[in-house]
PDB file of N, CA and C in Angstrom:
ATOM      1  N   MET A   1      39.389  -7.381 -53.218  1.00  0.00           N
ATOM      2  CA  MET A   1      39.176  -8.960 -53.172  1.00  0.00           C
ATOM      3  C   MET A   1      38.353  -9.535 -51.766  1.00  0.00           C
ATOM      4  N   HIS A   2      37.303 -10.290 -51.875  1.00  0.00           N
ATOM      5  CA  HIS A   2      36.339 -10.290 -50.973  1.00  0.00           C
ATOM      6  C   HIS A   2      37.184 -11.329 -49.921  1.00  0.00           C
ATOM      7  N   PRO A   3      37.012 -11.124 -48.503  1.00  0.00           N
ATOM      8  CA  PRO A   3      37.831 -11.504 -47.672  1.00  0.00           C
ATOM      9  C   PRO A   3      37.643 -13.203 -47.329  1.00  0.00           C
ATOM     10  N   TYR A   4      36.343 -13.361 -47.867  1.00  0.00           N
ATOM     11  CA  TYR A   4      35.790 -15.140 -47.587  1.00  0.00           C
ATOM     12  C   TYR A   4      36.416 -16.077 -48.599  1.00  0.00           C
ATOM     13  N   LEU A   5      36.572 -14.906 -50.167  1.00  0.00           N
ATOM     14  CA  LEU A   5      37.552 -15.463 -51.249  1.00  0.00           C
ATOM     15  C   LEU A   5      38.770 -15.987 -51.088  1.00  0.00           C
ATOM     16  N   ILE A   6      39.465 -14.810 -50.103  1.00  0.00           N
ATOM     17  CA  ILE A   6      41.169 -14.979 -50.038  1.00  0.00           C
ATOM     18  C   ILE A   6      41.050 -15.822 -49.246  1.00  0.00           C
ATOM     19  N   LEU A   7      40.043 -16.269 -48.119  1.00  0.00           N
ATOM     20  CA  LEU A   7      40.306 -17.384 -46.823  1.00  0.00           C
ATOM     21  C   LEU A   7      40.080 -18.642 -47.609  1.00  0.00           C
ATOM     22  N   GLY A   8      39.134 -18.837 -49.002  1.00  0.00           N
ATOM     23  CA  GLY A   8      38.946 -19.928 -49.312  1.00  0.00           C
ATOM     24  C   GLY A   8      40.528 -20.448 -50.080  1.00  0.00           C
ATOM     25  N   THR A   9      40.825 -19.549 -51.044  1.00  0.00           N
ATOM     26  CA  THR A   9      42.182 -19.616 -51.427  1.00  0.00           C
ATOM     27  C   THR A   9      43.517 -20.149 -50.478  1.00  0.00           C
ATOM     28  N   ALA A  10      43.295 -19.452 -49.638  1.00  0.00           N
ATOM     29  CA  ALA A  10      44.262 -19.916 -48.669  1.00  0.00           C
ATOM     30  C   ALA A  10      44.182 -21.143 -48.297  1.00  0.00           C
ATOM     31  N   ILE A  11      42.714 -21.568 -48.068  1.00  0.00           N
ATOM     32  CA  ILE A  11      42.687 -23.146 -47.465  1.00  0.00           C
ATOM     33  C   ILE A  11      42.871 -23.783 -48.511  1.00  0.00           C
ATOM     34  N   LEU A  12      42.799 -23.652 -49.826  1.00  0.00           N
ATOM     35  CA  LEU A  12      43.020 -24.515 -51.469  1.00  0.00           C
ATOM     36  C   LEU A  12      44.720 -24.806 -50.855  1.00  0.00           C
ATOM     37  N   ALA A  13      45.317 -23.778 -50.574  1.00  0.00           N
ATOM     38  CA  ALA A  13      46.717 -23.302 -50.882  1.00  0.00           C
ATOM     39  C   ALA A  13      46.946 -24.223 -49.933  1.00  0.00           C
ATOM     40  N   GLU A  14      46.172 -24.499 -48.218  1.00  0.00           N
ATOM     41  CA  GLU A  14      47.120 -25.462 -47.552  1.00  0.00           C
ATOM     42  C   GLU A  14      47.028 -26.861 -48.071  1.00  0.00           C
ATOM     43  N   VAL A  15      45.501 -27.287 -48.418  1.00  0.00           N
ATOM     44  CA  VAL A  15      45.236 -28.262 -48.546  1.00  0.00           C
ATOM     45  C   VAL A  15      46.410 -29.191 -49.445  1.00  0.00           C
ATOM     46  N   ILE A  16      46.711 -28.104 -50.654  1.00  0.00           N
ATOM     47  CA  ILE A  16      47.169 -28.288 -51.969  1.00  0.00           C
ATOM     48  C   ILE A  16      49.064 -28.697 -51.489  1.00  0.00           C
ATOM     49  N   GLY A  17      49.475 -27.881 -50.183  1.00  0.00           N
ATOM     50  CA  GLY A  17      50.774 -28.266 -49.519  1.00  0.00           C
ATOM     51  C   GLY A  17      50.759 -29.282 -48.655  1.00  0.00           C
ATOM     52  N   THR A  18      49.243 -29.500 -48.088  1.00  0.00           N
ATOM     53  CA  THR A  18      49.410 -31.060 -47.016  1.00  0.00           C
ATOM     54  C   THR A  18      49.264 -32.044 -48.197  1.00  0.00           C
ATOM     55  N   THR A  19      49.125 -32.210 -49.300  1.00  0.00           N
ATOM     56  CA  THR A  19      48.364 -33.186 -50.155  1.00  0.00           C
ATOM     57  C   THR A  19      50.441 -33.196 -50.705  1.00  0.00           C
ATOM     58  N   ALA A  20      50.936 -32.291 -50.892  1.00  0.00           N
ATOM     59  CA  ALA A  20      52.566 -32.255 -51.609  1.00  0.00           C
ATOM     60  C   ALA A  20      53.436 -33.248 -50.111  1.00  0.00           C
ATOM     61  N   LEU A  21      53.168 -32.594 -48.888  1.00  0.00           N
ATOM     62  CA  LEU A  21      53.980 -33.439 -47.577  1.00  0.00           C
ATOM     63  C   LEU A  21      53.561 -34.833 -47.846  1.00  0.00           C
ATOM     64  N   LYS A  22      52.681 -35.399 -48.102  1.00  0.00           N
ATOM     65  CA  LYS A  22      52.056 -36.685 -48.424  1.00  0.00           C
ATOM     66  C   LYS A  22      53.198 -37.503 -48.932  1.00  0.00           C
ATOM     67  N   LEU A  23      52.926 -36.373 -50.506  1.00  0.00           N
ATOM     68  CA  LEU A  23      53.621 -37.045 -51.425  1.00  0.00           C
ATOM     69  C   LEU A  23      55.204 -36.738 -51.496  1.00  0.00           C
ATOM     70  N   SER A  24      55.529 -36.054 -50.796  1.00  0.00           N
ATOM     71  CA  SER A  24      57.286 -35.572 -50.828  1.00  0.00           C
ATOM     72  C   SER A  24      58.297 -36.669 -50.149  1.00  0.00           C
ATOM     73  N   GLN A  25      57.016 -37.648 -49.479  1.00  0.00           N
ATOM     74  CA  GLN A  25      58.252 -39.072 -48.269  1.00  0.00           C
ATOM     75  C   GLN A  25      59.156 -38.456 -47.950  1.00  0.00           C
ATOM     76  N   GLY A  26      58.881 -37.783 -46.813  1.00  0.00           N
ATOM     77  CA  GLY A  26      59.620 -37.063 -45.588  1.00  0.00           C
ATOM     78  C   GLY A  26      60.971 -35.773 -46.505  1.00  0.00           C
ATOM     79  N   PHE A  27      60.559 -35.143 -47.353  1.00  0.00           N
ATOM     80  CA  PHE A  27      61.004 -34.398 -48.019  1.00  0.00           C
ATOM     81  C   PHE A  27      62.287 -34.758 -49.140  1.00  0.00           C
ATOM     82  N   SER A  28      62.149 -36.269 -49.343  1.00  0.00           N
ATOM     83  CA  SER A  28      63.186 -37.050 -50.584  1.00  0.00           C
ATOM     84  C   SER A  28      62.529 -36.819 -51.655  1.00  0.00           C
ATOM     85  N   ARG A  29      61.820 -36.572 -52.091  1.00  0.00           N
ATOM     86  CA  ARG A  29      61.396 -36.047 -53.417  1.00  0.00           C
ATOM     87  C   ARG A  29      60.932 -34.474 -54.069  1.00  0.00           C
ATOM     88  N   PRO A  30      62.083 -33.700 -54.834  1.00  0.00           N
ATOM     89  CA  PRO A  30      62.179 -32.690 -54.575  1.00  0.00           C
ATOM     90  C   PRO A  30      60.566 -32.100 -55.027  1.00  0.00           C
ATOM     91  N   LEU A  31      59.772 -32.266 -56.597  1.00  0.00           N
ATOM     92  CA  LEU A  31      59.128 -31.861 -57.322  1.00  0.00           C
ATOM     93  C   LEU A  31      57.427 -31.482 -55.920  1.00  0.00           C
ATOM     94  N   PRO A  32      57.853 -32.406 -54.838  1.00  0.00           N
ATOM     95  CA  PRO A  32      56.383 -32.609 -54.058  1.00  0.00           C
ATOM     96  C   PRO A  32      56.936 -31.537 -53.122  1.00  0.00           C
ATOM     97  N   SER A  33      58.460 -31.572 -52.807  1.00  0.00           N
ATOM     98  CA  SER A  33      59.007 -30.519 -51.406  1.00  0.00           C
ATOM     99  C   SER A  33      58.331 -29.283 -52.132  1.00  0.00           C
ATOM    100  N   LEU A  34      58.774 -29.139 -53.109  1.00  0.00           N
ATOM    101  CA  LEU A  34      58.924 -27.572 -53.258  1.00  0.00           C
ATOM    102  C   LEU A  34      57.025 -27.302 -53.043  1.00  0.00           C
ATOM    103  N   GLY A  35      56.533 -28.279 -53.435  1.00  0.00           N
ATOM    104  CA  GLY A  35      55.041 -28.339 -53.561  1.00  0.00           C
ATOM    105  C   GLY A  35      54.684 -27.448 -51.876  1.00  0.00           C
ATOM    106  N   VAL A  36      55.119 -28.193 -50.799  1.00  0.00           N
ATOM    107  CA  VAL A  36      54.908 -27.645 -49.765  1.00  0.00           C
ATOM    108  C   VAL A  36      54.994 -26.597 -49.004  1.00  0.00           C
ATOM    109  N   LEU A  37      56.158 -25.883 -50.101  1.00  0.00           N
ATOM    110  CA  LEU A  37      56.822 -24.604 -49.532  1.00  0.00           C
ATOM    111  C   LEU A  37      56.211 -23.580 -50.277  1.00  0.00           C
ATOM    112  N   VAL A  38      55.313 -24.013 -51.401  1.00  0.00           N
ATOM    113  CA  VAL A  38      54.779 -22.494 -52.175  1.00  0.00           C
ATOM    114  C   VAL A  38      53.567 -22.605 -51.789  1.00  0.00           C
ATOM    115  N   GLY A  39      52.865 -24.070 -51.322  1.00  0.00           N
ATOM    116  CA  GLY A  39      51.471 -24.014 -51.084  1.00  0.00           C
ATOM    117  C   GLY A  39      51.055 -23.872 -49.509  1.00  0.00           C
ATOM    118  N   TYR A  40      52.132 -23.906 -48.322  1.00  0.00           N
ATOM    119  CA  TYR A  40      52.097 -23.029 -47.243  1.00  0.00           C
ATOM    120  C   TYR A  40      52.446 -21.851 -47.386  1.00  0.00           C
ATOM    121  N   GLY A  41      53.525 -21.529 -47.990  1.00  0.00           N
ATOM    122  CA  GLY A  41      53.866 -19.783 -48.089  1.00  0.00           C
ATOM    123  C   GLY A  41      53.067 -18.858 -49.051  1.00  0.00           C
ATOM    124  N   THR A  42      51.879 -19.917 -49.691  1.00  0.00           N
ATOM    125  CA  THR A  42      50.719 -19.269 -49.869  1.00  0.00           C
ATOM    126  C   THR A  42      49.689 -18.813 -49.181  1.00  0.00           C
ATOM    127  N   ALA A  43      48.961 -19.996 -48.425  1.00  0.00           N
ATOM    128  CA  ALA A  43      48.642 -20.243 -47.532  1.00  0.00           C
ATOM    129  C   ALA A  43      48.734 -18.939 -46.803  1.00  0.00           C
ATOM    130  N   PHE A  44      49.566 -19.353 -45.764  1.00  0.00           N
ATOM    131  CA  PHE A  44      49.469 -18.448 -44.871  1.00  0.00           C
ATOM    132  C   PHE A  44      49.937 -16.636 -45.374  1.00  0.00           C
ATOM    133  N   TYR A  45      50.686 -16.410 -46.380  1.00  0.00           N
ATOM    134  CA  TYR A  45      50.743 -14.838 -46.865  1.00  0.00           C
ATOM    135  C   TYR A  45      48.774 -14.957 -47.214  1.00  0.00           C
ATOM    136  N   LEU A  46      48.416 -15.625 -47.680  1.00  0.00           N
ATOM    137  CA  LEU A  46      46.331 -15.635 -47.317  1.00  0.00           C
ATOM    138  C   LEU A  46      46.385 -15.094 -46.432  1.00  0.00           C
ATOM    139  N   LEU A  47      46.492 -16.324 -45.793  1.00  0.00           N
ATOM    140  CA  LEU A  47      45.651 -16.329 -44.181  1.00  0.00           C
ATOM    141  C   LEU A  47      45.820 -14.592 -43.726  1.00  0.00           C
ATOM    142  N   SER A  48      47.021 -14.040 -43.722  1.00  0.00           N
ATOM    143  CA  SER A  48      47.731 -13.094 -43.228  1.00  0.00           C
ATOM    144  C   SER A  48      46.530 -11.999 -43.840  1.00  0.00           C
ATOM    145  N   LEU A  49      46.452 -11.458 -45.460  1.00  0.00           N
ATOM    146  CA  LEU A  49      45.334 -11.163 -46.035  1.00  0.00           C
ATOM    147  C   LEU A  49      43.784 -11.147 -45.385  1.00  0.00           C
ATOM    148  N   ALA A  50      43.219 -12.096 -45.080  1.00  0.00           N
ATOM    149  CA  ALA A  50      41.969 -12.723 -44.934  1.00  0.00           C
ATOM    150  C   ALA A  50      41.822 -11.943 -43.466  1.00  0.00           C
ATOM    151  N   LEU A  51      42.990 -11.647 -42.349  1.00  0.00           N
ATOM    152  CA  LEU A  51      43.071 -11.575 -41.164  1.00  0.00           C
ATOM    153  C   LEU A  51      42.706  -9.852 -40.711  1.00  0.00           C
ATOM    154  N   GLU A  52      43.006  -9.397 -41.996  1.00  0.00           N
ATOM    155  CA  GLU A  52      42.915  -8.103 -42.200  1.00  0.00           C
ATOM    156  C   GLU A  52      41.315  -7.735 -42.129  1.00  0.00           C
ATOM    157  N   ASP A  53      40.750  -8.347 -42.310  1.00  0.00           N
ATOM    158  CA  ASP A  53      38.980  -8.233 -42.658  1.00  0.00           C
ATOM    159  C   ASP A  53      38.377  -8.834 -41.765  1.00  0.00           C
ATOM    160  N   LEU A  54      38.918 -10.210 -41.340  1.00  0.00           N
ATOM    161  CA  LEU A  54      37.943 -10.907 -40.632  1.00  0.00           C
ATOM    162  C   LEU A  54      38.007 -11.406 -39.360  1.00  0.00           C
ATOM    163  N   PRO A  55      37.306 -11.430 -38.380  1.00  0.00           N
ATOM    164  CA  PRO A  55      38.189 -11.922 -37.166  1.00  0.00           C
ATOM    165  C   PRO A  55      38.616 -13.295 -36.663  1.00  0.00           C
ATOM    166  N   VAL A  56      40.105 -13.397 -36.187  1.00  0.00           N
ATOM    167  CA  VAL A  56      40.959 -14.098 -36.421  1.00  0.00           C
ATOM    168  C   VAL A  56      40.100 -15.619 -35.422  1.00  0.00           C
ATOM    169  N   GLY A  57      39.346 -15.566 -34.783  1.00  0.00           N
ATOM    170  CA  GLY A  57      38.939 -16.975 -34.565  1.00  0.00           C
ATOM    171  C   GLY A  57      37.766 -17.770 -35.456  1.00  0.00           C
ATOM    172  N   VAL A  58      37.316 -16.662 -36.277  1.00  0.00           N
ATOM    173  CA  VAL A  58      36.269 -17.087 -37.217  1.00  0.00           C
ATOM    174  C   VAL A  58      37.531 -17.271 -38.912  1.00  0.00           C
ATOM    175  N   VAL A  59      38.695 -16.997 -38.723  1.00  0.00           N
ATOM    176  CA  VAL A  59      39.133 -17.271 -39.662  1.00  0.00           C
ATOM    177  C   VAL A  59      40.524 -18.682 -39.719  1.00  0.00           C
ATOM    178  N   TYR A  60      40.782 -18.832 -38.265  1.00  0.00           N
ATOM    179  CA  TYR A  60      41.335 -19.711 -38.175  1.00  0.00           C
ATOM    180  C   TYR A  60      40.235 -20.852 -38.218  1.00  0.00           C
ATOM    181  N   GLY A  61      39.617 -20.372 -37.625  1.00  0.00           N
ATOM    182  CA  GLY A  61      38.701 -21.844 -37.478  1.00  0.00           C
ATOM    183  C   GLY A  61      38.386 -22.772 -38.287  1.00  0.00           C
ATOM    184  N   THR A  62      37.917 -21.547 -39.491  1.00  0.00           N
ATOM    185  CA  THR A  62      37.191 -22.358 -40.848  1.00  0.00           C
ATOM    186  C   THR A  62      38.489 -22.646 -41.948  1.00  0.00           C
ATOM    187  N   TRP A  63      40.016 -21.948 -41.481  1.00  0.00           N
ATOM    188  CA  TRP A  63      40.634 -22.720 -42.608  1.00  0.00           C
ATOM    189  C   TRP A  63      41.232 -23.967 -41.727  1.00  0.00           C
ATOM    190  N   ALA A  64      41.249 -24.360 -40.722  1.00  0.00           N
ATOM    191  CA  ALA A  64      41.833 -25.321 -39.955  1.00  0.00           C
ATOM    192  C   ALA A  64      40.548 -26.430 -40.199  1.00  0.00           C
ATOM    193  N   ALA A  65      39.413 -26.329 -40.467  1.00  0.00           N
ATOM    194  CA  ALA A  65      38.434 -27.045 -40.199  1.00  0.00           C
ATOM    195  C   ALA A  65      38.204 -27.657 -41.211  1.00  0.00           C
ATOM    196  N   LEU A  66      37.820 -26.156 -42.175  1.00  0.00           N
ATOM    197  CA  LEU A  66      37.608 -26.722 -43.821  1.00  0.00           C
ATOM    198  C   LEU A  66      39.005 -27.553 -44.540  1.00  0.00           C
ATOM    199  N   GLY A  67      40.350 -27.441 -43.943  1.00  0.00           N
ATOM    200  CA  GLY A  67      41.465 -27.547 -44.116  1.00  0.00           C
ATOM    201  C   GLY A  67      41.636 -29.318 -43.858  1.00  0.00           C
ATOM    202  N   ILE A  68      40.980 -29.458 -42.799  1.00  0.00           N
ATOM    203  CA  ILE A  68      40.491 -31.171 -41.825  1.00  0.00           C
ATOM    204  C   ILE A  68      39.709 -32.175 -42.666  1.00  0.00           C
ATOM    205  N   VAL A  69      39.053 -31.215 -43.180  1.00  0.00           N
ATOM    206  CA  VAL A  69      37.423 -32.121 -43.784  1.00  0.00           C
ATOM    207  C   VAL A  69      38.324 -32.340 -45.571  1.00  0.00           C
ATOM    208  N   ALA A  70      38.688 -31.620 -46.337  1.00  0.00           N
ATOM    209  CA  ALA A  70      39.256 -31.073 -47.455  1.00  0.00           C
ATOM    210  C   ALA A  70      40.449 -32.838 -47.266  1.00  0.00           C
ATOM    211  N   ILE A  71      41.109 -32.476 -46.327  1.00  0.00           N
ATOM    212  CA  ILE A  71      42.852 -33.373 -46.064  1.00  0.00           C
ATOM    213  C   ILE A  71      41.898 -34.726 -46.206  1.00  0.00           C
ATOM    214  N   ALA A  72      41.027 -34.834 -45.175  1.00  0.00           N
ATOM    215  CA  ALA A  72      40.594 -36.119 -44.969  1.00  0.00           C
ATOM    216  C   ALA A  72      39.778 -36.347 -46.011  1.00  0.00           C
ATOM    217  N   SER A  73      39.042 -36.228 -46.778  1.00  0.00           N
ATOM    218  CA  SER A  73      38.432 -36.451 -48.384  1.00  0.00           C
ATOM    219  C   SER A  73      39.700 -37.382 -49.127  1.00  0.00           C
ATOM    220  N   ILE A  74      40.805 -36.051 -49.477  1.00  0.00           N
ATOM    221  CA  ILE A  74      41.420 -36.678 -50.079  1.00  0.00           C
ATOM    222  C   ILE A  74      42.528 -37.445 -49.262  1.00  0.00           C
ATOM    223  N   GLY A  75      42.513 -37.706 -48.360  1.00  0.00           N
ATOM    224  CA  GLY A  75      43.170 -39.253 -48.082  1.00  0.00           C
ATOM    225  C   GLY A  75      42.251 -40.072 -48.336  1.00  0.00           C
ATOM    226  N   VAL A  76      41.289 -40.668 -48.501  1.00  0.00           N
ATOM    227  CA  VAL A  76      40.617 -41.832 -48.564  1.00  0.00           C
ATOM    228  C   VAL A  76      40.431 -41.905 -49.811  1.00  0.00           C
ATOM    229  N   VAL A  77      40.199 -40.563 -50.547  1.00  0.00           N
ATOM    230  CA  VAL A  77      40.331 -40.515 -52.518  1.00  0.00           C
ATOM    231  C   VAL A  77      41.487 -40.967 -52.996  1.00  0.00           C
ATOM    232  N   ALA A  78      42.348 -40.463 -52.738  1.00  0.00           N
ATOM    233  CA  ALA A  78      43.640 -40.265 -53.253  1.00  0.00           C
ATOM    234  C   ALA A  78      44.321 -41.214 -53.056  1.00  0.00           C
ATOM    235  N   PHE A  79      44.501 -41.562 -51.732  1.00  0.00           N
ATOM    236  CA  PHE A  79      45.615 -42.520 -50.715  1.00  0.00           C
ATOM    237  C   PHE A  79      44.342 -43.630 -50.425  1.00  0.00           C
ATOM    238  N   ASP A  80      43.504 -43.750 -50.698  1.00  0.00           N
ATOM    239  CA  ASP A  80      43.119 -44.980 -50.265  1.00  0.00           C
ATOM    240  C   ASP A  80      42.818 -45.705 -48.397  1.00  0.00           C
ATOM    241  N   GLU A  81      42.975 -43.839 -47.753  1.00  0.00           N
ATOM    242  CA  GLU A  81      42.792 -44.068 -46.589  1.00  0.00           C
ATOM    243  C   GLU A  81      41.761 -44.874 -45.855  1.00  0.00           C
ATOM    244  N   PRO A  82      41.305 -45.258 -45.011  1.00  0.00           N
ATOM    245  CA  PRO A  82      40.049 -46.086 -44.700  1.00  0.00           C
ATOM    246  C   PRO A  82      39.226 -44.964 -43.883  1.00  0.00           C
ATOM    247  N   VAL A  83      37.734 -44.855 -43.598  1.00  0.00           N
ATOM    248  CA  VAL A  83      36.843 -44.026 -43.291  1.00  0.00           C
ATOM    249  C   VAL A  83      35.774 -44.650 -42.236  1.00  0.00           C
ATOM    250  N   ASP A  84      35.547 -44.439 -41.461  1.00  0.00           N
ATOM    251  CA  ASP A  84      34.169 -44.922 -40.936  1.00  0.00           C
ATOM    252  C   ASP A  84      33.495 -44.351 -40.294  1.00  0.00           C
ATOM    253  N   LEU A  85      32.340 -44.535 -39.517  1.00  0.00           N
ATOM    254  CA  LEU A  85      30.787 -44.211 -39.553  1.00  0.00           C
ATOM    255  C   LEU A  85      31.421 -43.169 -38.813  1.00  0.00           C
ATOM    256  N   ALA A  86      32.342 -43.555 -37.706  1.00  0.00           N
ATOM    257  CA  ALA A  86      32.481 -42.002 -36.323  1.00  0.00           C
ATOM    258  C   ALA A  86      33.513 -41.599 -36.979  1.00  0.00           C
ATOM    259  N   GLY A  87      34.518 -41.646 -37.782  1.00  0.00           N
ATOM    260  CA  GLY A  87      34.768 -40.379 -39.010  1.00  0.00           C
ATOM    261  C   GLY A  87      34.049 -39.375 -39.444  1.00  0.00           C
ATOM    262  N   LEU A  88      33.095 -40.061 -40.352  1.00  0.00           N
ATOM    263  CA  LEU A  88      32.333 -39.434 -40.832  1.00  0.00           C
ATOM    264  C   LEU A  88      31.196 -38.122 -40.196  1.00  0.00           C
ATOM    265  N   VAL A  89      30.872 -38.707 -39.111  1.00  0.00           N
ATOM    266  CA  VAL A  89      30.022 -37.885 -37.750  1.00  0.00           C
ATOM    267  C   VAL A  89      30.707 -36.810 -37.415  1.00  0.00           C
ATOM    268  N   GLY A  90      31.921 -37.167 -37.025  1.00  0.00           N
ATOM    269  CA  GLY A  90      33.087 -36.170 -36.560  1.00  0.00           C
ATOM    270  C   GLY A  90      33.247 -35.031 -38.135  1.00  0.00           C
ATOM    271  N   LEU A  91      33.354 -35.615 -39.179  1.00  0.00           N
ATOM    272  CA  LEU A  91      33.340 -34.593 -40.006  1.00  0.00           C
ATOM    273  C   LEU A  91      32.213 -34.028 -40.228  1.00  0.00           C
ATOM    274  N   ALA A  92      31.344 -34.586 -40.161  1.00  0.00           N
ATOM    275  CA  ALA A  92      30.003 -33.548 -40.281  1.00  0.00           C
ATOM    276  C   ALA A  92      29.732 -33.034 -39.153  1.00  0.00           C
ATOM    277  N   LEU A  93      30.670 -32.995 -38.232  1.00  0.00           N
ATOM    278  CA  LEU A  93      30.249 -31.993 -37.312  1.00  0.00           C
ATOM    279  C   LEU A  93      31.269 -31.198 -37.043  1.00  0.00           C
ATOM    280  N   ILE A  94      32.600 -31.303 -37.912  1.00  0.00           N
ATOM    281  CA  ILE A  94      32.838 -30.101 -38.086  1.00  0.00           C
ATOM    282  C   ILE A  94      32.728 -29.318 -39.099  1.00  0.00           C
ATOM    283  N   VAL A  95      32.068 -29.941 -40.303  1.00  0.00           N
ATOM    284  CA  VAL A  95      31.406 -28.210 -41.229  1.00  0.00           C
ATOM    285  C   VAL A  95      30.056 -27.971 -40.780  1.00  0.00           C
ATOM    286  N   ALA A  96      29.613 -28.543 -39.548  1.00  0.00           N
ATOM    287  CA  ALA A  96      28.421 -28.009 -39.172  1.00  0.00           C
ATOM    288  C   ALA A  96      29.173 -26.706 -37.903  1.00  0.00           C
ATOM    289  N   GLY A  97      30.097 -27.288 -37.104  1.00  0.00           N
ATOM    290  CA  GLY A  97      30.544 -26.311 -36.380  1.00  0.00           C
ATOM    291  C   GLY A  97      31.181 -24.939 -37.486  1.00  0.00           C
ATOM    292  N   VAL A  98      31.241 -24.969 -38.564  1.00  0.00           N
ATOM    293  CA  VAL A  98      31.767 -23.881 -39.498  1.00  0.00           C
ATOM    294  C   VAL A  98      30.884 -23.160 -39.558  1.00  0.00           C
ATOM    295  N   TYR A  99      29.678 -24.042 -40.430  1.00  0.00           N
ATOM    296  CA  TYR A  99      28.658 -23.124 -41.060  1.00  0.00           C
ATOM    297  C   TYR A  99      27.961 -22.374 -39.436  1.00  0.00           C
ATOM    298  N   CYS A 100      28.071 -22.777 -37.843  1.00  0.00           N
ATOM    299  CA  CYS A 100      27.653 -21.836 -36.762  1.00  0.00           C
ATOM    300  C   CYS A 100      28.647 -20.908 -36.785  1.00  0.00           C
ATOM    301  N   LEU A 101      29.835 -21.172 -36.955  1.00  0.00           N
ATOM    302  CA  LEU A 101      30.684 -19.943 -36.822  1.00  0.00           C
ATOM    303  C   LEU A 101      30.489 -19.016 -37.724  1.00  0.00           C
ATOM    304  N   ASN A 102      30.450 -19.048 -38.722  1.00  0.00           N
ATOM    305  CA  ASN A 102      29.994 -17.910 -40.201  1.00  0.00           C
ATOM    306  C   ASN A 102      28.801 -17.593 -40.445  1.00  0.00           C
ATOM    307  N   VAL A 103      28.053 -18.910 -40.135  1.00  0.00           N
ATOM    308  CA  VAL A 103      26.413 -17.831 -40.645  1.00  0.00           C
ATOM    309  C   VAL A 103      25.481 -17.947 -39.663  1.00  0.00           C
ATOM    310  N   VAL A 104      25.851 -18.672 -38.460  1.00  0.00           N
ATOM    311  CA  VAL A 104      24.725 -18.341 -37.005  1.00  0.00           C
ATOM    312  C   VAL A 104      24.836 -17.391 -35.979  1.00  0.00           C
ATOM    313  N   SER A 105      26.419 -17.601 -35.943  1.00  0.00           N
ATOM    314  CA  SER A 105      26.992 -16.896 -34.566  1.00  0.00           C
ATOM    315  C   SER A 105      27.338 -15.075 -35.337  1.00  0.00           C
ATOM    316  N   GLY A 106      27.332 -14.775 -33.908  1.00  0.00           N
ATOM    317  CA  GLY A 106      27.368 -12.907 -34.212  1.00  0.00           C
ATOM    318  C   GLY A 106      28.959 -12.722 -34.782  1.00  0.00           C
ATOM    319  N   MET A 107      29.985 -13.865 -34.510  1.00  0.00           N
ATOM    320  CA  MET A 107      31.406 -13.157 -34.273  1.00  0.00           C
ATOM    321  C   MET A 107      31.791 -13.150 -35.532  1.00  0.00           C
ATOM    322  N   SER A 108      30.956 -13.926 -36.749  1.00  0.00           N
ATOM    323  CA  SER A 108      31.792 -12.962 -38.200  1.00  0.00           C
ATOM    324  C   SER A 108      31.215 -12.156 -38.473  1.00  0.00           C
ATOM    325  N   ALA A 109      31.454 -11.547 -39.765  1.00  0.00           N
ATOM    326  CA  ALA A 109      31.687  -9.870 -40.207  1.00  0.00           C
ATOM    327  C   ALA A 109      30.783 -10.628 -41.349  1.00  0.00           C
ATOM    328  N   HIS A 110      29.098 -10.030 -40.910  1.00  0.00           N
ATOM    329  CA  HIS A 110      28.227 -10.784 -42.094  1.00  0.00           C
ATOM    330  C   HIS A 110      28.392  -9.642 -42.956  1.00  0.00           C
TER     331      HIS A 110
END
């Protein structure tokens, strides 16, 4: 399987786990609590597979950054959390950083 597809799936699993963490209400709700364990377990397993083919800086930077953007977006849409102009600029800079890391930089395995 392509390492970036594995990384993308790891990001998705982490986002699911983090969303479930919010819904678990301090691990007091069983089903979302199980979602946390499955989401994070899957994310870390897939992350380990991505690290077999991609540099650790690229993998972790991309995983963390895109997870932040996805979770912030879910917070705004699903949990009615506020976002302001400075937050949007910050998120855009994160996306620009991921682009630089994976496309422009020589760090990535092109």
